[in-house]
Amino acid sequence: GIVTARGCPFTCTFCIDHHRSYRERSIENIMVEIKINYEKYRFNILLILDELFAVNKKRMVEFCNGIIEGKEKYNWDFDWTFQTHANARLDLETLKLAKRTGCFSFSYGLESASPTVLESMNKQLKVPQVIEAMKLAEESNLGFSANLIFGDVAETMDTIAESLSFWLEH
């Protein structure tokens, strides 16, 4: 696993990072770390541990291009996965590029499918974004998972039922 950035530009109520600025490492620096670790360990799966890895589309494309170069130049042979925020608004083209470079899945910190709970969490996320993310994952042939949080102050039996109903439907 590697960490390519720290902090978060969002202000979700439950998160410890919301008072910190978002700081990214350079793609060049990340590729050096991958090269060193790959030569030493010959890993077959790279876990991007960032909470917001793909929050910047340009950076995601640069990362994918770096992986392509590493596979050609150093014979890297590994798959990878990442997590991000739904507000990264990934697009099909970028996800297909990630898939070509060995990405096999991604996850979103969705936390809930209840608009009431999402608003309480200051998640800055709307349920249609969740649906779009799931469609993009399917279209790009990538695995998709959601990270959920239970116990928000706005959560009730009704909001839990609303969220569960959404997940069962989709």
C-alpha atoms as a PDB file:
ATOM      1  CA  GLY A   1       0.000   0.000   0.000  1.00  0.00           C
ATOM      2  CA  ILE A   2       1.029   3.583  -0.610  1.00  0.00           C
ATOM      3  CA  VAL A   3      -0.282   7.005   0.381  1.00  0.00           C
ATOM      4  CA  THR A   4      -0.144   9.604  -2.388  1.00  0.00           C
ATOM      5  CA  ALA A   5      -1.900  12.490  -0.623  1.00  0.00           C
ATOM      6  CA  ARG A   6      -3.054  13.552   2.823  1.00  0.00           C
ATOM      7  CA  GLY A   7      -5.854  15.663   4.165  1.00  0.00           C
ATOM      8  CA  CYS A   8      -9.187  16.492   2.607  1.00  0.00           C
ATOM      9  CA  PRO A   9     -10.804  19.561   1.030  1.00  0.00           C
ATOM     10  CA  PHE A  10     -14.278  18.488   2.174  1.00  0.00           C
ATOM     11  CA  THR A  11     -15.879  19.176   5.560  1.00  0.00           C
ATOM     12  CA  CYS A  12     -17.844  16.055   6.464  1.00  0.00           C
ATOM     13  CA  THR A  13     -18.928  16.236  10.101  1.00  0.00           C
ATOM     14  CA  PHE A  14     -17.684  12.774  11.086  1.00  0.00           C
ATOM     15  CA  CYS A  15     -14.150  13.069   9.733  1.00  0.00           C
ATOM     16  CA  ILE A  16     -10.971  13.945  11.544  1.00  0.00           C
ATOM     17  CA  ASP A  17      -9.328  15.346   8.381  1.00  0.00           C
ATOM     18  CA  HIS A  18     -11.757  18.169   7.659  1.00  0.00           C
ATOM     19  CA  HIS A  19      -9.572  20.812   9.282  1.00  0.00           C
ATOM     20  CA  ARG A  20      -6.494  19.863   7.272  1.00  0.00           C
ATOM     21  CA  SER A  21      -5.511  21.060   3.850  1.00  0.00           C
ATOM     22  CA  TYR A  22      -5.266  18.570   0.998  1.00  0.00           C
ATOM     23  CA  ARG A  23      -1.624  17.852   0.077  1.00  0.00           C
ATOM     24  CA  GLU A  24      -0.645  15.724  -2.929  1.00  0.00           C
ATOM     25  CA  ARG A  25       2.691  14.100  -3.658  1.00  0.00           C
ATOM     26  CA  SER A  26       4.015  14.515  -7.176  1.00  0.00           C
ATOM     27  CA  ILE A  27       3.329  11.707  -9.639  1.00  0.00           C
ATOM     28  CA  GLU A  28       7.087  11.446 -10.239  1.00  0.00           C
ATOM     29  CA  ASN A  29       7.679  10.892  -6.514  1.00  0.00           C
ATOM     30  CA  ILE A  30       4.915   8.267  -6.382  1.00  0.00           C
ATOM     31  CA  MET A  31       6.369   6.375  -9.362  1.00  0.00           C
ATOM     32  CA  VAL A  32       9.789   6.293  -7.668  1.00  0.00           C
ATOM     33  CA  GLU A  33       8.215   4.762  -4.557  1.00  0.00           C
ATOM     34  CA  ILE A  34       6.342   2.182  -6.638  1.00  0.00           C
ATOM     35  CA  LYS A  35       9.551   1.295  -8.523  1.00  0.00           C
ATOM     36  CA  ILE A  36      11.566   0.844  -5.321  1.00  0.00           C
ATOM     37  CA  ASN A  37       8.871  -1.266  -3.668  1.00  0.00           C
ATOM     38  CA  TYR A  38       8.198  -3.322  -6.777  1.00  0.00           C
ATOM     39  CA  GLU A  39      11.896  -4.154  -7.191  1.00  0.00           C
ATOM     40  CA  LYS A  40      12.140  -5.101  -3.516  1.00  0.00           C
ATOM     41  CA  TYR A  41       8.864  -7.005  -2.999  1.00  0.00           C
ATOM     42  CA  ARG A  42       7.497  -7.925  -6.456  1.00  0.00           C
ATOM     43  CA  PHE A  43       3.983  -7.241  -5.158  1.00  0.00           C
ATOM     44  CA  ASN A  44       0.994  -8.172  -7.296  1.00  0.00           C
ATOM     45  CA  ILE A  45      -1.570  -5.720  -5.897  1.00  0.00           C
ATOM     46  CA  LEU A  46      -1.009  -2.047  -5.154  1.00  0.00           C
ATOM     47  CA  LEU A  47      -3.424  -0.488  -2.684  1.00  0.00           C
ATOM     48  CA  ILE A  48      -3.778   3.268  -2.921  1.00  0.00           C
ATOM     49  CA  LEU A  49      -4.640   4.108   0.668  1.00  0.00           C
ATOM     50  CA  ASP A  50      -5.664   7.730   0.089  1.00  0.00           C
ATOM     51  CA  GLU A  51      -9.197   8.650   1.026  1.00  0.00           C
ATOM     52  CA  LEU A  52      -9.393  10.881  -2.061  1.00  0.00           C
ATOM     53  CA  PHE A  53      -7.016   9.403  -4.610  1.00  0.00           C
ATOM     54  CA  ALA A  54      -8.852  10.448  -7.755  1.00  0.00           C
ATOM     55  CA  VAL A  55     -10.242  13.791  -6.624  1.00  0.00           C
ATOM     56  CA  ASN A  56      -8.254  15.433  -9.435  1.00  0.00           C
ATOM     57  CA  LYS A  57      -8.904  13.944 -12.892  1.00  0.00           C
ATOM     58  CA  LYS A  58      -5.687  15.345 -14.390  1.00  0.00           C
ATOM     59  CA  ARG A  59      -3.651  13.741 -11.607  1.00  0.00           C
ATOM     60  CA  MET A  60      -5.466  10.419 -12.100  1.00  0.00           C
ATOM     61  CA  VAL A  61      -4.582  10.450 -15.810  1.00  0.00           C
ATOM     62  CA  GLU A  62      -0.940  11.308 -15.001  1.00  0.00           C
ATOM     63  CA  PHE A  63      -0.842   8.430 -12.508  1.00  0.00           C
ATOM     64  CA  CYS A  64      -2.240   5.998 -15.083  1.00  0.00           C
ATOM     65  CA  ASN A  65       0.286   7.180 -17.658  1.00  0.00           C
ATOM     66  CA  GLY A  66       3.055   6.666 -15.099  1.00  0.00           C
ATOM     67  CA  ILE A  67       1.854   3.102 -14.499  1.00  0.00           C
ATOM     68  CA  ILE A  68       1.800   2.440 -18.256  1.00  0.00           C
ATOM     69  CA  GLU A  69       5.370   3.739 -18.537  1.00  0.00           C
ATOM     70  CA  GLY A  70       6.489   1.639 -15.567  1.00  0.00           C
ATOM     71  CA  LYS A  71       4.931  -1.492 -17.031  1.00  0.00           C
ATOM     72  CA  GLU A  72       6.721  -0.898 -20.328  1.00  0.00           C
ATOM     73  CA  LYS A  73      10.062   0.242 -18.885  1.00  0.00           C
ATOM     74  CA  TYR A  74      10.367  -1.923 -15.758  1.00  0.00           C
ATOM     75  CA  ASN A  75       8.008  -4.815 -16.546  1.00  0.00           C
ATOM     76  CA  TRP A  76       5.720  -3.985 -13.657  1.00  0.00           C
ATOM     77  CA  ASP A  77       3.056  -6.660 -13.352  1.00  0.00           C
ATOM     78  CA  PHE A  78       0.497  -5.704 -10.742  1.00  0.00           C
ATOM     79  CA  ASP A  79      -3.117  -4.663 -10.385  1.00  0.00           C
ATOM     80  CA  TRP A  80      -4.290  -1.774  -8.237  1.00  0.00           C
ATOM     81  CA  THR A  81      -7.275  -0.284  -6.465  1.00  0.00           C
ATOM     82  CA  PHE A  82      -8.209   3.067  -4.929  1.00  0.00           C
ATOM     83  CA  GLN A  83     -10.883   4.919  -3.022  1.00  0.00           C
ATOM     84  CA  THR A  84     -12.207   8.420  -3.498  1.00  0.00           C
ATOM     85  CA  HIS A  85     -15.061  10.816  -2.844  1.00  0.00           C
ATOM     86  CA  ALA A  86     -18.100  10.868  -5.130  1.00  0.00           C
ATOM     87  CA  ASN A  87     -17.416  14.556  -5.773  1.00  0.00           C
ATOM     88  CA  ALA A  88     -14.335  13.490  -7.728  1.00  0.00           C
ATOM     89  CA  ARG A  89     -16.873  13.030 -10.523  1.00  0.00           C
ATOM     90  CA  LEU A  90     -14.892  10.412 -12.369  1.00  0.00           C
ATOM     91  CA  ASP A  91     -15.801   9.910 -15.988  1.00  0.00           C
ATOM     92  CA  LEU A  92     -15.950   6.817 -18.177  1.00  0.00           C
ATOM     93  CA  GLU A  93     -12.842   7.700 -20.185  1.00  0.00           C
ATOM     94  CA  THR A  94     -10.693   8.064 -17.057  1.00  0.00           C
ATOM     95  CA  LEU A  95     -12.034   4.869 -15.500  1.00  0.00           C
ATOM     96  CA  LYS A  96     -11.397   2.926 -18.713  1.00  0.00           C
ATOM     97  CA  LEU A  97      -7.822   4.253 -18.715  1.00  0.00           C
ATOM     98  CA  ALA A  98      -7.441   3.104 -15.113  1.00  0.00           C
ATOM     99  CA  LYS A  99      -8.811  -0.318 -16.079  1.00  0.00           C
ATOM    100  CA  ARG A 100      -6.257  -0.608 -18.924  1.00  0.00           C
ATOM    101  CA  THR A 101      -3.449   0.093 -16.456  1.00  0.00           C
ATOM    102  CA  GLY A 102      -4.519  -2.681 -14.086  1.00  0.00           C
ATOM    103  CA  CYS A 103      -7.065  -1.022 -11.813  1.00  0.00           C
ATOM    104  CA  PHE A 104      -9.605  -3.660 -10.835  1.00  0.00           C
ATOM    105  CA  SER A 105     -11.868  -1.779  -8.434  1.00  0.00           C
ATOM    106  CA  PHE A 106     -12.553   1.483  -6.656  1.00  0.00           C
ATOM    107  CA  SER A 107     -14.646   2.551  -3.720  1.00  0.00           C
ATOM    108  CA  TYR A 108     -16.458   5.693  -2.704  1.00  0.00           C
ATOM    109  CA  GLY A 109     -16.984   6.944   0.798  1.00  0.00           C
ATOM    110  CA  LEU A 110     -20.731   7.179   0.316  1.00  0.00           C
ATOM    111  CA  GLU A 111     -21.623   6.811   4.008  1.00  0.00           C
ATOM    112  CA  SER A 112     -25.403   6.629   3.406  1.00  0.00           C
ATOM    113  CA  ALA A 113     -28.066   6.643   0.711  1.00  0.00           C
ATOM    114  CA  SER A 114     -30.391   8.793   2.787  1.00  0.00           C
ATOM    115  CA  PRO A 115     -30.457  12.445   1.684  1.00  0.00           C
ATOM    116  CA  THR A 116     -31.308  13.429   5.259  1.00  0.00           C
ATOM    117  CA  VAL A 117     -28.254  11.675   6.684  1.00  0.00           C
ATOM    118  CA  LEU A 118     -25.979  12.894   3.879  1.00  0.00           C
ATOM    119  CA  GLU A 119     -27.062  16.481   4.609  1.00  0.00           C
ATOM    120  CA  SER A 120     -26.471  15.981   8.329  1.00  0.00           C
ATOM    121  CA  MET A 121     -22.972  14.701   7.574  1.00  0.00           C
ATOM    122  CA  ASN A 122     -22.300  17.694   5.302  1.00  0.00           C
ATOM    123  CA  LYS A 123     -21.300  15.086   2.755  1.00  0.00           C
ATOM    124  CA  GLN A 124     -21.922  17.392  -0.247  1.00  0.00           C
ATOM    125  CA  LEU A 125     -23.185  14.353  -2.108  1.00  0.00           C
ATOM    126  CA  LYS A 126     -26.495  13.615  -3.765  1.00  0.00           C
ATOM    127  CA  VAL A 127     -27.916  10.125  -4.293  1.00  0.00           C
ATOM    128  CA  PRO A 128     -27.927  10.507  -8.114  1.00  0.00           C
ATOM    129  CA  GLN A 129     -24.108  10.819  -7.922  1.00  0.00           C
ATOM    130  CA  VAL A 130     -24.045   7.401  -6.266  1.00  0.00           C
ATOM    131  CA  ILE A 131     -26.135   5.923  -9.063  1.00  0.00           C
ATOM    132  CA  GLU A 132     -23.856   7.533 -11.669  1.00  0.00           C
ATOM    133  CA  ALA A 133     -20.747   6.111  -9.968  1.00  0.00           C
ATOM    134  CA  MET A 134     -22.238   2.626  -9.973  1.00  0.00           C
ATOM    135  CA  LYS A 135     -23.132   2.931 -13.664  1.00  0.00           C
ATOM    136  CA  LEU A 136     -19.630   4.139 -14.528  1.00  0.00           C
ATOM    137  CA  ALA A 137     -18.106   1.218 -12.658  1.00  0.00           C
ATOM    138  CA  GLU A 138     -20.274  -1.210 -14.587  1.00  0.00           C
ATOM    139  CA  GLU A 139     -19.567   0.455 -17.946  1.00  0.00           C
ATOM    140  CA  SER A 140     -15.818   0.476 -17.318  1.00  0.00           C
ATOM    141  CA  ASN A 141     -15.900  -3.124 -16.062  1.00  0.00           C
ATOM    142  CA  LEU A 142     -14.436  -2.168 -12.683  1.00  0.00           C
ATOM    143  CA  GLY A 143     -15.469  -3.464  -9.312  1.00  0.00           C
ATOM    144  CA  PHE A 144     -17.218  -0.925  -7.117  1.00  0.00           C
ATOM    145  CA  SER A 145     -17.761  -0.777  -3.388  1.00  0.00           C
ATOM    146  CA  ALA A 146     -19.235   1.734  -1.001  1.00  0.00           C
ATOM    147  CA  ASN A 147     -17.944   2.672   2.425  1.00  0.00           C
ATOM    148  CA  LEU A 148     -20.865   3.258   4.794  1.00  0.00           C
ATOM    149  CA  ILE A 149     -21.180   4.881   8.216  1.00  0.00           C
ATOM    150  CA  PHE A 150     -23.974   4.141  10.647  1.00  0.00           C
ATOM    151  CA  GLY A 151     -24.944   6.151  13.715  1.00  0.00           C
ATOM    152  CA  ASP A 152     -25.169   9.742  12.467  1.00  0.00           C
ATOM    153  CA  VAL A 153     -27.265  12.024  14.687  1.00  0.00           C
ATOM    154  CA  ALA A 154     -29.893  12.319  11.930  1.00  0.00           C
ATOM    155  CA  GLU A 155     -30.174   8.579  11.455  1.00  0.00           C
ATOM    156  CA  THR A 156     -33.520   7.064  12.342  1.00  0.00           C
ATOM    157  CA  MET A 157     -35.259   3.805  11.535  1.00  0.00           C
ATOM    158  CA  ASP A 158     -36.820   5.606   8.566  1.00  0.00           C
ATOM    159  CA  THR A 159     -33.484   6.823   7.165  1.00  0.00           C
ATOM    160  CA  ILE A 160     -31.968   3.371   7.667  1.00  0.00           C
ATOM    161  CA  ALA A 161     -34.903   1.819   5.795  1.00  0.00           C
ATOM    162  CA  GLU A 162     -34.512   4.432   3.045  1.00  0.00           C
ATOM    163  CA  SER A 163     -30.808   3.658   2.692  1.00  0.00           C
ATOM    164  CA  LEU A 164     -31.298  -0.109   2.772  1.00  0.00           C
ATOM    165  CA  SER A 165     -34.051   0.126   0.194  1.00  0.00           C
ATOM    166  CA  PHE A 166     -31.703   2.044  -2.103  1.00  0.00           C
ATOM    167  CA  TRP A 167     -28.908  -0.531  -1.775  1.00  0.00           C
ATOM    168  CA  LEU A 168     -31.269  -3.437  -2.377  1.00  0.00           C
ATOM    169  CA  GLU A 169     -32.706  -1.717  -5.445  1.00  0.00           C
ATOM    170  CA  HIS A 170     -29.314  -0.906  -6.937  1.00  0.00           C
END
